[in-house]
Amino acid sequence: MALPKQVKYQLTTIELPSDPRVKLKIRPFTGEEEKLFLMLKTGNEDYKKVQETIVQVIGNCIHEAPSSFKIKDLCLFDIEWLFLQLHSISIDNTIEFTYNNTENIKTEACKPDCPVEIRIQIPIADVKIHYPEDTSKTIVLYDNEDIGMLGLKLKYPTAEMMPLIVDLEKSDESTQLNDMIYVCLENFFDDKQTYIPDRNDPKEVEETKTMISGFTFEQRKLIKKFFEEMPTIKHTFDVKCPVCGFRESLTLRGLNDFFL
């Protein structure tokens, strides 16, 4: 008897967090993606490989997308959200992990006979993307009558930037920030016009990087806030000891906290 020509999947339609106008249809993990997912949870310390694997899993599971859609253009919080939804439809709609209660027992916040490990279950439906309220992609560096005005517009890091961002973490903090500003820079602007650096022109690349390295401490502080408070999946909840009732508030942020 002939086998079916192909396996059919129940598809789920979701909106892209960074642009709700983009609708994607995703399928559950197959054996191939499940294998990749399990590899992520084996304590792999190669962060770049982990990120590449996550993007690969998402790409495999996107069944239908607009013709203009490209995986490399996904924002990092898009990737977090998509992976979370794939886990929900493929494996379980809850996330389980073990909370280590040892420190609370040592400090006597819990009793000596309280459990060392507490099992936690978090419904994926409760996990939301946290969008900071007081940050903007448009940052005014200065604006006064004597020296005029200068600002810049940044974009959120994308999947394409992941390998570079991982490498930047090996740099000193100042160099890391300079390079992050450069890769995420959309344009400079003043009160007269907008300037878009030509990344294919070595001279303009060098001038742009020199300009970035000349930002003052206060200006860099404004930009650093943008990177520190980018949207991300986030969930705050209480862990309750089942013996003594002691409660502790915990916050999970990003895929590493939830899965790795």
C-alpha atoms as a PDB file:
ATOM      1  CA  MET A   1       0.000   0.000   0.000  1.00  0.00           C
ATOM      2  CA  ALA A   2       1.360   3.411  -0.948  1.00  0.00           C
ATOM      3  CA  LEU A   3       2.307   5.821   1.820  1.00  0.00           C
ATOM      4  CA  PRO A   4       0.765   9.310   2.100  1.00  0.00           C
ATOM      5  CA  LYS A   5       2.583  11.810  -0.114  1.00  0.00           C
ATOM      6  CA  GLN A   6       3.349  14.120   2.824  1.00  0.00           C
ATOM      7  CA  VAL A   7       2.730  14.727   6.505  1.00  0.00           C
ATOM      8  CA  LYS A   8       0.205  17.488   7.179  1.00  0.00           C
ATOM      9  CA  TYR A   9       0.427  19.804  10.183  1.00  0.00           C
ATOM     10  CA  GLN A  10      -2.042  21.797  12.228  1.00  0.00           C
ATOM     11  CA  LEU A  11      -0.908  25.371  11.617  1.00  0.00           C
ATOM     12  CA  THR A  12      -1.127  28.242  14.102  1.00  0.00           C
ATOM     13  CA  THR A  13      -1.367  31.858  12.922  1.00  0.00           C
ATOM     14  CA  ILE A  14       0.486  34.450  14.988  1.00  0.00           C
ATOM     15  CA  GLU A  15       1.298  38.136  14.656  1.00  0.00           C
ATOM     16  CA  LEU A  16       4.887  39.324  14.715  1.00  0.00           C
ATOM     17  CA  PRO A  17       5.396  41.384  17.912  1.00  0.00           C
ATOM     18  CA  SER A  18       7.590  44.002  16.215  1.00  0.00           C
ATOM     19  CA  ASP A  19       5.038  44.447  13.411  1.00  0.00           C
ATOM     20  CA  PRO A  20       1.530  43.016  14.024  1.00  0.00           C
ATOM     21  CA  ARG A  21       0.728  43.546  10.359  1.00  0.00           C
ATOM     22  CA  VAL A  22       2.972  40.560   9.587  1.00  0.00           C
ATOM     23  CA  LYS A  23       1.078  37.277   9.991  1.00  0.00           C
ATOM     24  CA  LEU A  24       2.987  33.997  10.164  1.00  0.00           C
ATOM     25  CA  LYS A  25       1.715  30.434  10.113  1.00  0.00           C
ATOM     26  CA  ILE A  26       3.850  28.099  12.195  1.00  0.00           C
ATOM     27  CA  ARG A  27       3.873  24.332  12.532  1.00  0.00           C
ATOM     28  CA  PRO A  28       4.883  22.264  15.583  1.00  0.00           C
ATOM     29  CA  PHE A  29       8.358  20.811  16.052  1.00  0.00           C
ATOM     30  CA  THR A  30       9.074  17.627  14.146  1.00  0.00           C
ATOM     31  CA  GLY A  31      11.660  15.106  15.291  1.00  0.00           C
ATOM     32  CA  GLU A  32      14.404  17.251  13.762  1.00  0.00           C
ATOM     33  CA  GLU A  33      13.474  20.402  15.725  1.00  0.00           C
ATOM     34  CA  GLU A  34      12.862  18.445  18.923  1.00  0.00           C
ATOM     35  CA  LYS A  35      16.370  17.041  18.655  1.00  0.00           C
ATOM     36  CA  LEU A  36      17.774  20.550  18.212  1.00  0.00           C
ATOM     37  CA  PHE A  37      15.713  21.812  21.172  1.00  0.00           C
ATOM     38  CA  LEU A  38      17.018  19.049  23.433  1.00  0.00           C
ATOM     39  CA  MET A  39      20.572  19.911  22.377  1.00  0.00           C
ATOM     40  CA  LEU A  40      19.978  23.465  23.619  1.00  0.00           C
ATOM     41  CA  LYS A  41      19.171  22.148  27.081  1.00  0.00           C
ATOM     42  CA  THR A  42      22.299  20.028  27.488  1.00  0.00           C
ATOM     43  CA  GLY A  43      24.364  22.879  28.900  1.00  0.00           C
ATOM     44  CA  ASN A  44      25.989  23.985  25.646  1.00  0.00           C
ATOM     45  CA  GLU A  45      28.256  26.924  26.547  1.00  0.00           C
ATOM     46  CA  ASP A  46      28.697  28.044  22.941  1.00  0.00           C
ATOM     47  CA  TYR A  47      26.236  30.944  23.085  1.00  0.00           C
ATOM     48  CA  LYS A  48      26.674  31.761  19.385  1.00  0.00           C
ATOM     49  CA  LYS A  49      25.770  28.171  18.454  1.00  0.00           C
ATOM     50  CA  VAL A  50      22.744  28.310  20.760  1.00  0.00           C
ATOM     51  CA  GLN A  51      21.443  31.464  19.080  1.00  0.00           C
ATOM     52  CA  GLU A  52      22.048  30.067  15.593  1.00  0.00           C
ATOM     53  CA  THR A  53      20.165  26.882  16.536  1.00  0.00           C
ATOM     54  CA  ILE A  54      17.185  28.847  17.866  1.00  0.00           C
ATOM     55  CA  VAL A  55      16.965  30.824  14.615  1.00  0.00           C
ATOM     56  CA  GLN A  56      17.268  27.582  12.629  1.00  0.00           C
ATOM     57  CA  VAL A  57      14.404  25.978  14.591  1.00  0.00           C
ATOM     58  CA  ILE A  58      12.185  29.019  14.037  1.00  0.00           C
ATOM     59  CA  GLY A  59      13.004  29.113  10.327  1.00  0.00           C
ATOM     60  CA  ASN A  60      12.163  25.429   9.946  1.00  0.00           C
ATOM     61  CA  CYS A  61       8.787  25.858  11.643  1.00  0.00           C
ATOM     62  CA  ILE A  62       7.532  28.916   9.763  1.00  0.00           C
ATOM     63  CA  HIS A  63       5.219  27.292   7.225  1.00  0.00           C
ATOM     64  CA  GLU A  64       3.779  30.418   5.596  1.00  0.00           C
ATOM     65  CA  ALA A  65       4.949  34.049   5.610  1.00  0.00           C
ATOM     66  CA  PRO A  66       4.623  37.195   3.477  1.00  0.00           C
ATOM     67  CA  SER A  67       6.936  37.264   0.461  1.00  0.00           C
ATOM     68  CA  SER A  68       8.887  40.178   1.961  1.00  0.00           C
ATOM     69  CA  PHE A  69       9.532  38.328   5.250  1.00  0.00           C
ATOM     70  CA  LYS A  70      13.142  37.435   6.077  1.00  0.00           C
ATOM     71  CA  ILE A  71      14.350  35.534   9.142  1.00  0.00           C
ATOM     72  CA  LYS A  72      17.488  37.683   9.353  1.00  0.00           C
ATOM     73  CA  ASP A  73      15.342  40.798   9.940  1.00  0.00           C
ATOM     74  CA  LEU A  74      13.585  39.425  13.032  1.00  0.00           C
ATOM     75  CA  CYS A  75      14.179  41.488  16.177  1.00  0.00           C
ATOM     76  CA  LEU A  76      15.579  39.569  19.126  1.00  0.00           C
ATOM     77  CA  PHE A  77      12.293  39.853  21.012  1.00  0.00           C
ATOM     78  CA  ASP A  78      10.483  38.466  17.947  1.00  0.00           C
ATOM     79  CA  ILE A  79      12.770  35.440  18.149  1.00  0.00           C
ATOM     80  CA  GLU A  80      12.094  34.996  21.875  1.00  0.00           C
ATOM     81  CA  TRP A  81       8.333  35.236  21.338  1.00  0.00           C
ATOM     82  CA  LEU A  82       8.248  32.874  18.357  1.00  0.00           C
ATOM     83  CA  PHE A  83      10.307  30.272  20.180  1.00  0.00           C
ATOM     84  CA  LEU A  84       7.984  30.505  23.168  1.00  0.00           C
ATOM     85  CA  GLN A  85       4.918  29.953  20.954  1.00  0.00           C
ATOM     86  CA  LEU A  86       6.577  27.018  19.218  1.00  0.00           C
ATOM     87  CA  HIS A  87       7.275  25.412  22.594  1.00  0.00           C
ATOM     88  CA  SER A  88       3.612  25.895  23.504  1.00  0.00           C
ATOM     89  CA  ILE A  89       2.181  24.185  20.402  1.00  0.00           C
ATOM     90  CA  SER A  90       4.919  21.554  20.120  1.00  0.00           C
ATOM     91  CA  ILE A  91       5.882  20.363  23.595  1.00  0.00           C
ATOM     92  CA  ASP A  92       3.801  21.858  26.404  1.00  0.00           C
ATOM     93  CA  ASN A  93       1.900  25.044  27.136  1.00  0.00           C
ATOM     94  CA  THR A  94       3.723  25.323  30.457  1.00  0.00           C
ATOM     95  CA  ILE A  95       7.396  25.790  31.287  1.00  0.00           C
ATOM     96  CA  GLU A  96       8.814  23.698  34.117  1.00  0.00           C
ATOM     97  CA  PHE A  97      12.000  24.254  36.050  1.00  0.00           C
ATOM     98  CA  THR A  98      13.483  23.549  39.463  1.00  0.00           C
ATOM     99  CA  TYR A  99      14.063  26.356  41.952  1.00  0.00           C
ATOM    100  CA  ASN A 100      17.060  25.851  44.268  1.00  0.00           C
ATOM    101  CA  ASN A 101      15.882  26.629  47.815  1.00  0.00           C
ATOM    102  CA  THR A 102      19.259  25.985  49.511  1.00  0.00           C
ATOM    103  CA  GLU A 103      20.100  29.636  50.224  1.00  0.00           C
ATOM    104  CA  ASN A 104      16.746  30.281  51.915  1.00  0.00           C
ATOM    105  CA  ILE A 105      17.332  27.289  54.193  1.00  0.00           C
ATOM    106  CA  LYS A 106      20.857  28.505  55.028  1.00  0.00           C
ATOM    107  CA  THR A 107      19.633  31.992  55.917  1.00  0.00           C
ATOM    108  CA  GLU A 108      16.729  30.467  57.899  1.00  0.00           C
ATOM    109  CA  ALA A 109      14.143  32.163  55.727  1.00  0.00           C
ATOM    110  CA  CYS A 110      12.906  28.573  55.336  1.00  0.00           C
ATOM    111  CA  LYS A 111      12.988  25.801  57.943  1.00  0.00           C
ATOM    112  CA  PRO A 112      15.646  23.048  57.956  1.00  0.00           C
ATOM    113  CA  ASP A 113      13.107  20.440  56.849  1.00  0.00           C
ATOM    114  CA  CYS A 114      11.919  22.505  53.869  1.00  0.00           C
ATOM    115  CA  PRO A 115      12.647  21.049  50.398  1.00  0.00           C
ATOM    116  CA  VAL A 116      15.948  21.905  48.758  1.00  0.00           C
ATOM    117  CA  GLU A 117      14.272  21.895  45.346  1.00  0.00           C
ATOM    118  CA  ILE A 118      10.868  23.342  44.453  1.00  0.00           C
ATOM    119  CA  ARG A 119       9.209  22.498  41.148  1.00  0.00           C
ATOM    120  CA  ILE A 120       7.803  25.501  39.299  1.00  0.00           C
ATOM    121  CA  GLN A 121       5.280  25.542  36.457  1.00  0.00           C
ATOM    122  CA  ILE A 122       4.627  28.702  34.445  1.00  0.00           C
ATOM    123  CA  PRO A 123       1.812  28.845  31.858  1.00  0.00           C
ATOM    124  CA  ILE A 124       3.261  30.183  28.609  1.00  0.00           C
ATOM    125  CA  ALA A 125       0.102  32.267  28.149  1.00  0.00           C
ATOM    126  CA  ASP A 126       1.183  34.275  31.238  1.00  0.00           C
ATOM    127  CA  VAL A 127       4.538  35.238  29.716  1.00  0.00           C
ATOM    128  CA  LYS A 128       4.380  38.601  27.945  1.00  0.00           C
ATOM    129  CA  ILE A 129       6.786  40.835  26.067  1.00  0.00           C
ATOM    130  CA  HIS A 130       7.864  43.691  28.298  1.00  0.00           C
ATOM    131  CA  TYR A 131       7.966  47.010  26.436  1.00  0.00           C
ATOM    132  CA  PRO A 132       9.714  49.762  28.433  1.00  0.00           C
ATOM    133  CA  GLU A 133       7.575  52.884  28.562  1.00  0.00           C
ATOM    134  CA  ASP A 134      10.206  55.601  28.724  1.00  0.00           C
ATOM    135  CA  THR A 135      12.667  54.522  26.034  1.00  0.00           C
ATOM    136  CA  SER A 136      12.735  55.572  22.401  1.00  0.00           C
ATOM    137  CA  LYS A 137      14.686  54.533  19.307  1.00  0.00           C
ATOM    138  CA  THR A 138      15.165  58.234  18.599  1.00  0.00           C
ATOM    139  CA  ILE A 139      17.706  59.819  20.946  1.00  0.00           C
ATOM    140  CA  VAL A 140      18.556  63.538  21.058  1.00  0.00           C
ATOM    141  CA  LEU A 141      22.199  63.867  22.116  1.00  0.00           C
ATOM    142  CA  TYR A 142      22.098  67.652  22.550  1.00  0.00           C
ATOM    143  CA  ASP A 143      19.902  70.607  21.608  1.00  0.00           C
ATOM    144  CA  ASN A 144      20.812  74.170  22.556  1.00  0.00           C
ATOM    145  CA  GLU A 145      21.222  77.562  20.932  1.00  0.00           C
ATOM    146  CA  ASP A 146      25.019  77.656  21.112  1.00  0.00           C
ATOM    147  CA  ILE A 147      25.955  74.374  19.435  1.00  0.00           C
ATOM    148  CA  GLY A 148      22.735  73.379  17.691  1.00  0.00           C
ATOM    149  CA  MET A 149      21.106  69.952  17.776  1.00  0.00           C
ATOM    150  CA  LEU A 150      22.219  66.387  17.057  1.00  0.00           C
ATOM    151  CA  GLY A 151      20.384  63.119  17.473  1.00  0.00           C
ATOM    152  CA  LEU A 152      20.400  59.578  16.199  1.00  0.00           C
ATOM    153  CA  LYS A 153      17.910  56.838  15.481  1.00  0.00           C
ATOM    154  CA  LEU A 154      18.659  53.228  16.419  1.00  0.00           C
ATOM    155  CA  LYS A 155      17.038  49.957  15.481  1.00  0.00           C
ATOM    156  CA  TYR A 156      16.608  46.892  17.659  1.00  0.00           C
ATOM    157  CA  PRO A 157      19.229  44.160  17.123  1.00  0.00           C
ATOM    158  CA  THR A 158      18.126  41.501  14.641  1.00  0.00           C
ATOM    159  CA  ALA A 159      18.809  37.818  14.046  1.00  0.00           C
ATOM    160  CA  GLU A 160      21.422  38.791  11.467  1.00  0.00           C
ATOM    161  CA  MET A 161      23.369  40.644  14.172  1.00  0.00           C
ATOM    162  CA  MET A 162      23.391  37.754  16.672  1.00  0.00           C
ATOM    163  CA  PRO A 163      26.869  36.376  15.869  1.00  0.00           C
ATOM    164  CA  LEU A 164      28.375  39.876  16.027  1.00  0.00           C
ATOM    165  CA  ILE A 165      26.632  40.659  19.330  1.00  0.00           C
ATOM    166  CA  VAL A 166      28.013  37.444  20.855  1.00  0.00           C
ATOM    167  CA  ASP A 167      31.524  38.417  19.746  1.00  0.00           C
ATOM    168  CA  LEU A 168      31.073  41.929  21.160  1.00  0.00           C
ATOM    169  CA  GLU A 169      30.558  40.454  24.629  1.00  0.00           C
ATOM    170  CA  LYS A 170      34.253  39.525  24.582  1.00  0.00           C
ATOM    171  CA  SER A 171      35.220  43.211  24.220  1.00  0.00           C
ATOM    172  CA  ASP A 172      35.629  45.811  26.945  1.00  0.00           C
ATOM    173  CA  GLU A 173      32.434  47.681  27.831  1.00  0.00           C
ATOM    174  CA  SER A 174      33.353  50.895  25.991  1.00  0.00           C
ATOM    175  CA  THR A 175      34.271  49.121  22.741  1.00  0.00           C
ATOM    176  CA  GLN A 176      31.204  46.919  23.013  1.00  0.00           C
ATOM    177  CA  LEU A 177      28.894  49.918  23.297  1.00  0.00           C
ATOM    178  CA  ASN A 178      30.585  51.726  20.387  1.00  0.00           C
ATOM    179  CA  ASP A 179      30.180  48.680  18.145  1.00  0.00           C
ATOM    180  CA  MET A 180      26.572  48.101  19.226  1.00  0.00           C
ATOM    181  CA  ILE A 181      25.722  51.712  18.370  1.00  0.00           C
ATOM    182  CA  TYR A 182      27.327  51.313  14.960  1.00  0.00           C
ATOM    183  CA  VAL A 183      25.573  48.071  13.976  1.00  0.00           C
ATOM    184  CA  CYS A 184      22.176  49.341  15.217  1.00  0.00           C
ATOM    185  CA  LEU A 185      22.495  52.879  13.800  1.00  0.00           C
ATOM    186  CA  GLU A 186      19.826  53.889  11.276  1.00  0.00           C
ATOM    187  CA  ASN A 187      20.723  57.544  10.925  1.00  0.00           C
ATOM    188  CA  PHE A 188      21.974  60.784  12.456  1.00  0.00           C
ATOM    189  CA  PHE A 189      19.822  63.911  12.301  1.00  0.00           C
ATOM    190  CA  ASP A 190      20.007  67.595  13.152  1.00  0.00           C
ATOM    191  CA  ASP A 191      17.525  70.451  12.803  1.00  0.00           C
ATOM    192  CA  LYS A 192      18.093  70.593   9.043  1.00  0.00           C
ATOM    193  CA  GLN A 193      18.322  67.056   7.689  1.00  0.00           C
ATOM    194  CA  THR A 194      18.867  63.339   8.224  1.00  0.00           C
ATOM    195  CA  TYR A 195      22.221  61.667   7.529  1.00  0.00           C
ATOM    196  CA  ILE A 196      22.381  57.967   6.603  1.00  0.00           C
ATOM    197  CA  PRO A 197      25.971  56.679   6.700  1.00  0.00           C
ATOM    198  CA  ASP A 198      27.093  54.681   3.668  1.00  0.00           C
ATOM    199  CA  ARG A 199      28.322  51.385   5.117  1.00  0.00           C
ATOM    200  CA  ASN A 200      29.930  50.478   1.794  1.00  0.00           C
ATOM    201  CA  ASP A 201      32.160  53.547   1.848  1.00  0.00           C
ATOM    202  CA  PRO A 202      35.271  52.909   4.005  1.00  0.00           C
ATOM    203  CA  LYS A 203      35.750  56.638   4.587  1.00  0.00           C
ATOM    204  CA  GLU A 204      32.180  57.144   5.860  1.00  0.00           C
ATOM    205  CA  VAL A 205      32.429  53.994   7.984  1.00  0.00           C
ATOM    206  CA  GLU A 206      35.561  55.341   9.654  1.00  0.00           C
ATOM    207  CA  GLU A 207      34.037  58.819  10.125  1.00  0.00           C
ATOM    208  CA  THR A 208      30.878  57.300  11.635  1.00  0.00           C
ATOM    209  CA  LYS A 209      32.851  55.163  14.103  1.00  0.00           C
ATOM    210  CA  THR A 210      35.022  58.157  15.057  1.00  0.00           C
ATOM    211  CA  MET A 211      31.898  60.236  15.655  1.00  0.00           C
ATOM    212  CA  ILE A 212      30.410  57.515  17.869  1.00  0.00           C
ATOM    213  CA  SER A 213      33.597  57.182  19.936  1.00  0.00           C
ATOM    214  CA  GLY A 214      33.433  60.951  20.573  1.00  0.00           C
ATOM    215  CA  PHE A 215      30.119  60.832  22.426  1.00  0.00           C
ATOM    216  CA  THR A 216      30.294  62.131  26.009  1.00  0.00           C
ATOM    217  CA  PHE A 217      29.588  60.054  29.107  1.00  0.00           C
ATOM    218  CA  GLU A 218      26.069  61.496  29.445  1.00  0.00           C
ATOM    219  CA  GLN A 219      25.282  60.911  25.778  1.00  0.00           C
ATOM    220  CA  ARG A 220      26.534  57.322  25.996  1.00  0.00           C
ATOM    221  CA  LYS A 221      24.420  56.845  29.101  1.00  0.00           C
ATOM    222  CA  LEU A 222      21.286  57.757  27.127  1.00  0.00           C
ATOM    223  CA  ILE A 223      22.183  55.273  24.388  1.00  0.00           C
ATOM    224  CA  LYS A 224      23.156  52.536  26.835  1.00  0.00           C
ATOM    225  CA  LYS A 225      19.700  52.803  28.391  1.00  0.00           C
ATOM    226  CA  PHE A 226      18.181  51.950  25.007  1.00  0.00           C
ATOM    227  CA  PHE A 227      20.127  48.677  24.849  1.00  0.00           C
ATOM    228  CA  GLU A 228      19.567  47.791  28.503  1.00  0.00           C
ATOM    229  CA  GLU A 229      15.810  48.264  28.258  1.00  0.00           C
ATOM    230  CA  MET A 230      15.004  46.664  24.922  1.00  0.00           C
ATOM    231  CA  PRO A 231      11.746  44.685  24.708  1.00  0.00           C
ATOM    232  CA  THR A 232      12.064  41.101  25.928  1.00  0.00           C
ATOM    233  CA  ILE A 233       9.907  38.253  27.196  1.00  0.00           C
ATOM    234  CA  LYS A 234       9.486  38.699  30.937  1.00  0.00           C
ATOM    235  CA  HIS A 235       7.516  37.123  33.773  1.00  0.00           C
ATOM    236  CA  THR A 236       7.470  37.968  37.483  1.00  0.00           C
ATOM    237  CA  PHE A 237       5.992  35.462  39.925  1.00  0.00           C
ATOM    238  CA  ASP A 238       6.199  34.213  43.514  1.00  0.00           C
ATOM    239  CA  VAL A 239       7.904  30.987  44.544  1.00  0.00           C
ATOM    240  CA  LYS A 240       6.195  29.514  47.588  1.00  0.00           C
ATOM    241  CA  CYS A 241       7.783  26.934  49.849  1.00  0.00           C
ATOM    242  CA  PRO A 242       5.215  24.105  50.228  1.00  0.00           C
ATOM    243  CA  VAL A 243       6.289  23.403  53.840  1.00  0.00           C
ATOM    244  CA  CYS A 244       6.701  26.751  55.618  1.00  0.00           C
ATOM    245  CA  GLY A 245       4.913  29.022  53.150  1.00  0.00           C
ATOM    246  CA  PHE A 246       7.884  31.393  52.618  1.00  0.00           C
ATOM    247  CA  ARG A 247       7.455  33.406  49.420  1.00  0.00           C
ATOM    248  CA  GLU A 248      10.100  34.914  47.187  1.00  0.00           C
ATOM    249  CA  SER A 249       9.511  37.014  44.082  1.00  0.00           C
ATOM    250  CA  LEU A 250      11.437  36.012  40.958  1.00  0.00           C
ATOM    251  CA  THR A 251      11.678  37.565  37.493  1.00  0.00           C
ATOM    252  CA  LEU A 252      12.655  35.652  34.365  1.00  0.00           C
ATOM    253  CA  ARG A 253      13.888  37.602  31.318  1.00  0.00           C
ATOM    254  CA  GLY A 254      14.854  36.268  27.903  1.00  0.00           C
ATOM    255  CA  LEU A 255      15.143  32.734  26.555  1.00  0.00           C
ATOM    256  CA  ASN A 256      18.149  31.864  28.696  1.00  0.00           C
ATOM    257  CA  ASP A 257      16.166  32.285  31.911  1.00  0.00           C
ATOM    258  CA  PHE A 258      13.201  30.324  30.608  1.00  0.00           C
ATOM    259  CA  PHE A 259      14.851  27.407  28.852  1.00  0.00           C
ATOM    260  CA  LEU A 260      18.636  27.262  29.103  1.00  0.00           C
END
